[in-house]
N, C-alpha and C. Protein backbone atom coordinates (compact mmCIF):
# COMPACT_ATOMS: atom_id res chain seq x y z
N MET A 1 5.78 10.37 8.17
CA MET A 1 5.78 9.03 7.60
C MET A 1 4.54 8.88 6.73
N ILE A 2 4.70 8.15 5.63
CA ILE A 2 3.60 7.87 4.72
C ILE A 2 3.50 6.37 4.48
N LEU A 3 2.30 5.91 4.20
CA LEU A 3 2.08 4.51 3.87
C LEU A 3 1.70 4.42 2.40
N ILE A 4 2.22 3.41 1.72
CA ILE A 4 1.98 3.25 0.29
C ILE A 4 1.17 1.97 0.06
N ASP A 5 0.06 2.11 -0.64
CA ASP A 5 -0.82 0.98 -0.96
C ASP A 5 -0.28 0.23 -2.18
N SER A 6 -0.62 -1.03 -2.26
CA SER A 6 -0.17 -1.86 -3.38
C SER A 6 -0.64 -1.31 -4.72
N ASN A 7 -1.84 -0.73 -4.76
CA ASN A 7 -2.35 -0.28 -6.06
C ASN A 7 -1.56 0.90 -6.62
N PHE A 8 -0.83 1.62 -5.77
CA PHE A 8 0.07 2.65 -6.29
C PHE A 8 1.18 2.00 -7.11
N PHE A 9 1.81 0.96 -6.55
CA PHE A 9 2.90 0.27 -7.24
C PHE A 9 2.40 -0.41 -8.51
N ILE A 10 1.20 -0.98 -8.44
CA ILE A 10 0.62 -1.65 -9.60
C ILE A 10 0.40 -0.65 -10.73
N ALA A 11 -0.17 0.51 -10.39
CA ALA A 11 -0.40 1.54 -11.40
C ALA A 11 0.91 2.08 -11.96
N LEU A 12 1.90 2.23 -11.10
CA LEU A 12 3.19 2.76 -11.54
C LEU A 12 3.87 1.82 -12.54
N MET A 13 3.78 0.54 -12.30
CA MET A 13 4.50 -0.44 -13.12
C MET A 13 3.72 -0.91 -14.35
N ASN A 14 2.43 -0.58 -14.40
CA ASN A 14 1.59 -1.07 -15.49
C ASN A 14 1.10 0.13 -16.31
N ASP A 15 1.70 0.33 -17.47
CA ASP A 15 1.35 1.49 -18.29
C ASP A 15 -0.06 1.42 -18.86
N ARG A 16 -0.74 0.31 -18.69
CA ARG A 16 -2.13 0.20 -19.13
C ARG A 16 -3.12 0.51 -18.01
N ASP A 17 -2.62 0.71 -16.81
CA ASP A 17 -3.47 1.04 -15.67
C ASP A 17 -4.00 2.47 -15.82
N LYS A 18 -5.26 2.69 -15.49
CA LYS A 18 -5.86 4.02 -15.65
C LYS A 18 -5.21 5.07 -14.75
N HIS A 19 -4.50 4.66 -13.71
CA HIS A 19 -3.85 5.59 -12.80
C HIS A 19 -2.34 5.71 -13.06
N HIS A 20 -1.86 5.12 -14.16
CA HIS A 20 -0.42 5.08 -14.42
C HIS A 20 0.23 6.47 -14.44
N ARG A 21 -0.34 7.39 -15.20
CA ARG A 21 0.26 8.73 -15.30
C ARG A 21 0.32 9.43 -13.94
N ARG A 22 -0.76 9.31 -13.21
CA ARG A 22 -0.80 9.95 -11.88
C ARG A 22 0.22 9.30 -10.95
N ALA A 23 0.34 7.98 -11.01
CA ALA A 23 1.32 7.28 -10.18
C ALA A 23 2.74 7.75 -10.49
N LYS A 24 3.03 7.96 -11.76
CA LYS A 24 4.37 8.44 -12.14
C LYS A 24 4.64 9.81 -11.53
N LYS A 25 3.64 10.68 -11.52
CA LYS A 25 3.81 12.01 -10.92
C LYS A 25 4.00 11.90 -9.41
N LEU A 26 3.21 11.06 -8.78
CA LEU A 26 3.30 10.90 -7.32
C LEU A 26 4.60 10.23 -6.90
N ALA A 27 5.17 9.42 -7.77
CA ALA A 27 6.40 8.69 -7.42
C ALA A 27 7.52 9.63 -7.00
N ASN A 28 7.65 10.75 -7.68
CA ASN A 28 8.68 11.73 -7.32
C ASN A 28 8.47 12.26 -5.91
N GLU A 29 7.23 12.57 -5.59
CA GLU A 29 6.89 13.06 -4.25
C GLU A 29 7.17 12.00 -3.19
N ILE A 30 6.79 10.78 -3.49
CA ILE A 30 6.99 9.68 -2.54
C ILE A 30 8.47 9.44 -2.28
N MET A 31 9.25 9.43 -3.33
CA MET A 31 10.67 9.11 -3.17
C MET A 31 11.43 10.19 -2.40
N LYS A 32 10.91 11.41 -2.36
CA LYS A 32 11.54 12.48 -1.58
C LYS A 32 11.35 12.27 -0.09
N ASP A 33 10.28 11.59 0.30
CA ASP A 33 10.00 11.35 1.72
C ASP A 33 10.93 10.26 2.23
N LYS A 34 11.58 10.52 3.33
CA LYS A 34 12.53 9.54 3.88
C LYS A 34 11.85 8.43 4.66
N ASN A 35 10.63 8.68 5.11
CA ASN A 35 9.92 7.71 5.96
C ASN A 35 8.71 7.14 5.23
N LYS A 36 8.94 6.05 4.51
CA LYS A 36 7.91 5.42 3.70
C LYS A 36 7.73 3.99 4.20
N ILE A 37 6.50 3.56 4.36
CA ILE A 37 6.26 2.20 4.85
C ILE A 37 5.28 1.48 3.94
N VAL A 38 5.54 0.19 3.76
CA VAL A 38 4.67 -0.68 2.97
C VAL A 38 4.43 -1.95 3.79
N PRO A 39 3.17 -2.25 4.10
CA PRO A 39 2.90 -3.51 4.80
C PRO A 39 3.25 -4.70 3.91
N LEU A 40 3.74 -5.76 4.52
CA LEU A 40 4.10 -6.96 3.76
C LEU A 40 2.95 -7.47 2.91
N LEU A 41 1.72 -7.42 3.43
CA LEU A 41 0.59 -7.89 2.63
C LEU A 41 0.43 -7.07 1.35
N MET A 42 0.68 -5.77 1.43
CA MET A 42 0.57 -4.93 0.23
C MET A 42 1.76 -5.13 -0.70
N LEU A 43 2.92 -5.40 -0.15
CA LEU A 43 4.07 -5.76 -0.98
C LEU A 43 3.74 -7.03 -1.76
N SER A 44 3.18 -7.99 -1.08
CA SER A 44 2.81 -9.26 -1.72
C SER A 44 1.79 -9.04 -2.83
N GLU A 45 0.77 -8.22 -2.56
CA GLU A 45 -0.24 -7.94 -3.58
C GLU A 45 0.38 -7.30 -4.83
N ALA A 46 1.27 -6.34 -4.60
CA ALA A 46 1.90 -5.63 -5.72
C ALA A 46 2.75 -6.57 -6.56
N ILE A 47 3.56 -7.39 -5.90
CA ILE A 47 4.44 -8.31 -6.62
C ILE A 47 3.62 -9.33 -7.40
N GLU A 48 2.61 -9.90 -6.77
CA GLU A 48 1.76 -10.88 -7.45
C GLU A 48 1.09 -10.27 -8.68
N SER A 49 0.54 -9.08 -8.52
CA SER A 49 -0.16 -8.44 -9.63
C SER A 49 0.77 -8.12 -10.80
N ILE A 50 1.94 -7.57 -10.51
CA ILE A 50 2.88 -7.22 -11.57
C ILE A 50 3.44 -8.48 -12.24
N ALA A 51 3.69 -9.52 -11.46
CA ALA A 51 4.17 -10.77 -12.05
C ALA A 51 3.15 -11.32 -13.05
N LYS A 52 1.86 -11.21 -12.72
CA LYS A 52 0.82 -11.71 -13.62
C LYS A 52 0.62 -10.79 -14.82
N ARG A 53 0.64 -9.48 -14.59
CA ARG A 53 0.36 -8.53 -15.66
C ARG A 53 1.56 -8.32 -16.59
N LYS A 54 2.74 -8.36 -16.03
CA LYS A 54 3.96 -8.13 -16.81
C LYS A 54 4.76 -9.44 -16.86
N ASP A 55 5.70 -9.61 -15.93
CA ASP A 55 6.42 -10.88 -15.82
C ASP A 55 7.21 -10.89 -14.51
N GLY A 56 7.83 -12.00 -14.24
CA GLY A 56 8.56 -12.19 -13.00
C GLY A 56 9.76 -11.27 -12.86
N GLU A 57 10.43 -10.97 -13.96
CA GLU A 57 11.60 -10.09 -13.91
C GLU A 57 11.20 -8.68 -13.48
N ILE A 58 10.12 -8.17 -14.03
CA ILE A 58 9.65 -6.83 -13.65
C ILE A 58 9.18 -6.84 -12.20
N ALA A 59 8.51 -7.91 -11.80
CA ALA A 59 8.08 -8.04 -10.41
C ALA A 59 9.28 -8.07 -9.47
N ASN A 60 10.34 -8.74 -9.88
CA ASN A 60 11.56 -8.80 -9.07
C ASN A 60 12.20 -7.41 -8.96
N LYS A 61 12.21 -6.64 -10.04
CA LYS A 61 12.75 -5.28 -10.00
C LYS A 61 11.94 -4.42 -9.03
N LEU A 62 10.62 -4.55 -9.11
CA LEU A 62 9.76 -3.81 -8.20
C LEU A 62 10.05 -4.19 -6.75
N TYR A 63 10.16 -5.48 -6.51
CA TYR A 63 10.48 -5.96 -5.16
C TYR A 63 11.76 -5.32 -4.64
N ASN A 64 12.80 -5.31 -5.46
CA ASN A 64 14.08 -4.75 -5.04
C ASN A 64 13.99 -3.25 -4.76
N VAL A 65 13.24 -2.53 -5.59
CA VAL A 65 13.06 -1.09 -5.35
C VAL A 65 12.35 -0.87 -4.01
N ILE A 66 11.32 -1.66 -3.76
CA ILE A 66 10.57 -1.48 -2.51
C ILE A 66 11.44 -1.80 -1.29
N VAL A 67 12.08 -2.96 -1.28
CA VAL A 67 12.84 -3.34 -0.08
C VAL A 67 14.08 -2.45 0.12
N ASP A 68 14.58 -1.85 -0.96
CA ASP A 68 15.74 -0.97 -0.83
C ASP A 68 15.37 0.45 -0.43
N ASN A 69 14.13 0.86 -0.66
CA ASN A 69 13.75 2.26 -0.46
C ASN A 69 12.61 2.50 0.52
N PHE A 70 11.97 1.44 0.96
CA PHE A 70 10.82 1.57 1.84
C PHE A 70 11.01 0.67 3.07
N GLU A 71 10.42 1.09 4.18
CA GLU A 71 10.36 0.19 5.33
C GLU A 71 9.24 -0.80 5.06
N VAL A 72 9.54 -2.07 5.14
CA VAL A 72 8.51 -3.09 4.98
C VAL A 72 8.05 -3.48 6.38
N PHE A 73 6.75 -3.41 6.62
CA PHE A 73 6.19 -3.76 7.92
C PHE A 73 5.83 -5.24 7.91
N TYR A 74 6.54 -6.00 8.74
CA TYR A 74 6.30 -7.43 8.86
C TYR A 74 5.33 -7.66 10.02
N SER A 75 4.16 -8.16 9.69
CA SER A 75 3.10 -8.33 10.68
C SER A 75 3.39 -9.47 11.64
N GLU A 76 2.97 -9.23 12.87
CA GLU A 76 2.97 -10.28 13.87
C GLU A 76 1.52 -10.74 14.07
N LYS A 77 1.36 -11.81 14.79
CA LYS A 77 0.03 -12.37 15.02
C LYS A 77 -0.92 -11.33 15.61
N LYS A 78 -0.43 -10.54 16.56
CA LYS A 78 -1.28 -9.53 17.20
C LYS A 78 -1.74 -8.46 16.20
N ASP A 79 -0.89 -8.13 15.24
CA ASP A 79 -1.25 -7.14 14.22
C ASP A 79 -2.40 -7.66 13.35
N ILE A 80 -2.31 -8.92 12.97
CA ILE A 80 -3.36 -9.52 12.14
C ILE A 80 -4.67 -9.61 12.92
N LYS A 81 -4.58 -9.95 14.19
CA LYS A 81 -5.80 -10.02 15.03
C LYS A 81 -6.47 -8.64 15.10
N GLU A 82 -5.67 -7.60 15.27
CA GLU A 82 -6.23 -6.25 15.33
C GLU A 82 -6.81 -5.84 13.98
N ALA A 83 -6.15 -6.21 12.90
CA ALA A 83 -6.66 -5.92 11.56
C ALA A 83 -7.98 -6.65 11.31
N MET A 84 -8.08 -7.87 11.81
CA MET A 84 -9.34 -8.63 11.65
C MET A 84 -10.48 -7.94 12.40
N LYS A 85 -10.20 -7.32 13.52
CA LYS A 85 -11.23 -6.54 14.23
C LYS A 85 -11.74 -5.41 13.34
N LEU A 86 -10.83 -4.82 12.58
CA LEU A 86 -11.23 -3.75 11.66
C LEU A 86 -12.02 -4.28 10.48
N VAL A 87 -11.68 -5.47 10.01
CA VAL A 87 -12.47 -6.11 8.94
C VAL A 87 -13.92 -6.21 9.40
N LEU A 88 -14.11 -6.64 10.64
CA LEU A 88 -15.46 -6.75 11.20
C LEU A 88 -16.10 -5.38 11.37
N LYS A 89 -15.33 -4.42 11.88
CA LYS A 89 -15.85 -3.06 12.11
C LYS A 89 -16.38 -2.46 10.81
N TYR A 90 -15.67 -2.68 9.71
CA TYR A 90 -16.08 -2.12 8.43
C TYR A 90 -16.96 -3.07 7.63
N GLY A 91 -17.50 -4.08 8.28
CA GLY A 91 -18.48 -4.96 7.67
C GLY A 91 -17.97 -5.76 6.50
N GLY A 92 -16.67 -6.00 6.46
CA GLY A 92 -16.10 -6.77 5.37
C GLY A 92 -15.91 -5.97 4.09
N ASN A 93 -16.16 -4.67 4.14
CA ASN A 93 -15.99 -3.82 2.95
C ASN A 93 -14.55 -3.46 2.67
N LEU A 94 -13.67 -3.70 3.63
CA LEU A 94 -12.24 -3.48 3.45
C LEU A 94 -11.52 -4.81 3.60
N SER A 95 -10.53 -5.03 2.77
CA SER A 95 -9.77 -6.29 2.81
C SER A 95 -8.90 -6.35 4.07
N LEU A 96 -8.40 -7.53 4.35
CA LEU A 96 -7.48 -7.69 5.47
C LEU A 96 -6.24 -6.82 5.26
N ALA A 97 -5.73 -6.76 4.05
CA ALA A 97 -4.56 -5.93 3.76
C ALA A 97 -4.86 -4.45 4.03
N ASP A 98 -6.03 -3.99 3.60
CA ASP A 98 -6.40 -2.59 3.84
C ASP A 98 -6.58 -2.32 5.34
N CYS A 99 -7.19 -3.25 6.04
CA CYS A 99 -7.39 -3.08 7.48
C CYS A 99 -6.06 -3.13 8.23
N LEU A 100 -5.14 -3.93 7.76
CA LEU A 100 -3.81 -3.95 8.37
C LEU A 100 -3.14 -2.59 8.15
N ALA A 101 -3.30 -2.02 6.98
CA ALA A 101 -2.75 -0.70 6.71
C ALA A 101 -3.34 0.34 7.66
N ILE A 102 -4.64 0.28 7.86
CA ILE A 102 -5.31 1.21 8.78
C ILE A 102 -4.77 1.04 10.19
N TYR A 103 -4.64 -0.20 10.61
CA TYR A 103 -4.11 -0.49 11.95
C TYR A 103 -2.69 0.07 12.10
N ILE A 104 -1.83 -0.18 11.13
CA ILE A 104 -0.45 0.32 11.17
C ILE A 104 -0.45 1.84 11.24
N MET A 105 -1.30 2.46 10.43
CA MET A 105 -1.35 3.92 10.41
C MET A 105 -1.75 4.48 11.77
N LYS A 106 -2.73 3.86 12.39
CA LYS A 106 -3.15 4.33 13.72
C LYS A 106 -2.05 4.11 14.75
N GLU A 107 -1.41 2.96 14.70
CA GLU A 107 -0.34 2.64 15.66
C GLU A 107 0.85 3.57 15.50
N LYS A 108 1.19 3.91 14.28
CA LYS A 108 2.37 4.74 14.01
C LYS A 108 2.02 6.22 13.81
N LYS A 109 0.73 6.54 14.04
CA LYS A 109 0.25 7.92 13.90
C LYS A 109 0.55 8.49 12.51
N ILE A 110 0.28 7.68 11.51
CA ILE A 110 0.43 8.09 10.11
C ILE A 110 -0.94 8.56 9.62
N THR A 111 -0.98 9.68 8.96
CA THR A 111 -2.27 10.17 8.45
C THR A 111 -2.40 10.07 6.94
N ASN A 112 -1.28 10.00 6.21
CA ASN A 112 -1.32 10.00 4.75
C ASN A 112 -1.05 8.62 4.16
N ILE A 113 -1.94 8.25 3.23
CA ILE A 113 -1.75 7.01 2.47
C ILE A 113 -1.80 7.36 0.98
N PHE A 114 -0.84 6.88 0.24
CA PHE A 114 -0.85 7.02 -1.21
C PHE A 114 -1.59 5.81 -1.76
N SER A 115 -2.78 6.06 -2.27
CA SER A 115 -3.63 4.95 -2.73
C SER A 115 -4.65 5.45 -3.74
N PHE A 116 -5.02 4.58 -4.65
CA PHE A 116 -6.09 4.87 -5.59
C PHE A 116 -7.40 4.20 -5.15
N ASP A 117 -7.40 3.60 -3.97
CA ASP A 117 -8.55 2.90 -3.41
C ASP A 117 -9.39 3.86 -2.59
N ASP A 118 -10.56 4.23 -3.11
CA ASP A 118 -11.39 5.21 -2.41
C ASP A 118 -12.07 4.67 -1.15
N ASP A 119 -11.92 3.39 -0.86
CA ASP A 119 -12.45 2.85 0.40
C ASP A 119 -11.78 3.52 1.60
N PHE A 120 -10.56 3.98 1.44
CA PHE A 120 -9.87 4.66 2.54
C PHE A 120 -10.49 6.01 2.86
N ASP A 121 -11.29 6.56 1.94
CA ASP A 121 -11.95 7.84 2.18
C ASP A 121 -12.97 7.76 3.30
N ASN A 122 -13.42 6.56 3.61
CA ASN A 122 -14.43 6.35 4.65
C ASN A 122 -13.83 6.10 6.02
N VAL A 123 -12.51 6.23 6.15
CA VAL A 123 -11.83 5.95 7.41
C VAL A 123 -11.41 7.27 8.04
N ASN A 124 -11.95 7.55 9.23
CA ASN A 124 -11.60 8.79 9.93
C ASN A 124 -10.11 8.84 10.26
N GLY A 125 -9.54 10.02 10.10
CA GLY A 125 -8.15 10.23 10.45
C GLY A 125 -7.14 9.87 9.38
N ILE A 126 -7.64 9.43 8.22
CA ILE A 126 -6.75 9.05 7.12
C ILE A 126 -7.01 9.97 5.94
N MET A 127 -5.94 10.49 5.38
CA MET A 127 -6.03 11.32 4.18
C MET A 127 -5.40 10.56 3.03
N ARG A 128 -6.21 10.30 2.02
CA ARG A 128 -5.74 9.57 0.85
C ARG A 128 -5.17 10.54 -0.17
N ILE A 129 -3.97 10.28 -0.59
CA ILE A 129 -3.33 11.08 -1.63
C ILE A 129 -3.38 10.25 -2.90
N HIS A 130 -3.97 10.83 -3.94
CA HIS A 130 -4.16 10.09 -5.20
C HIS A 130 -4.11 11.00 -6.40
């Protein structure tokens, strides 16, 4: 199983993003994997960003691709509480969305995250693919 960060989707959909070409190459690899997960907070970040950078129609297309091809992780209160503990552990250097991703990865024993965010490089047990 792999986890996909919002910035991967943002780079993929935005041809002006500095990671756009790399995201396009990684997309083929990601789509081959049958077990892909995206936390709802990261889905929200991706949709919001693309809606602002491009438009609502493109954001809607992205949303449909994600919900049709990826498992969306819907957080419960306990998940957010655990993620907030990680926010504190990392001194606020990681966002709640990033900490939720870390929590999900540990709970589901996922080691690989597709992300252009190098903050994940400082988390033991996680390998960032970029």
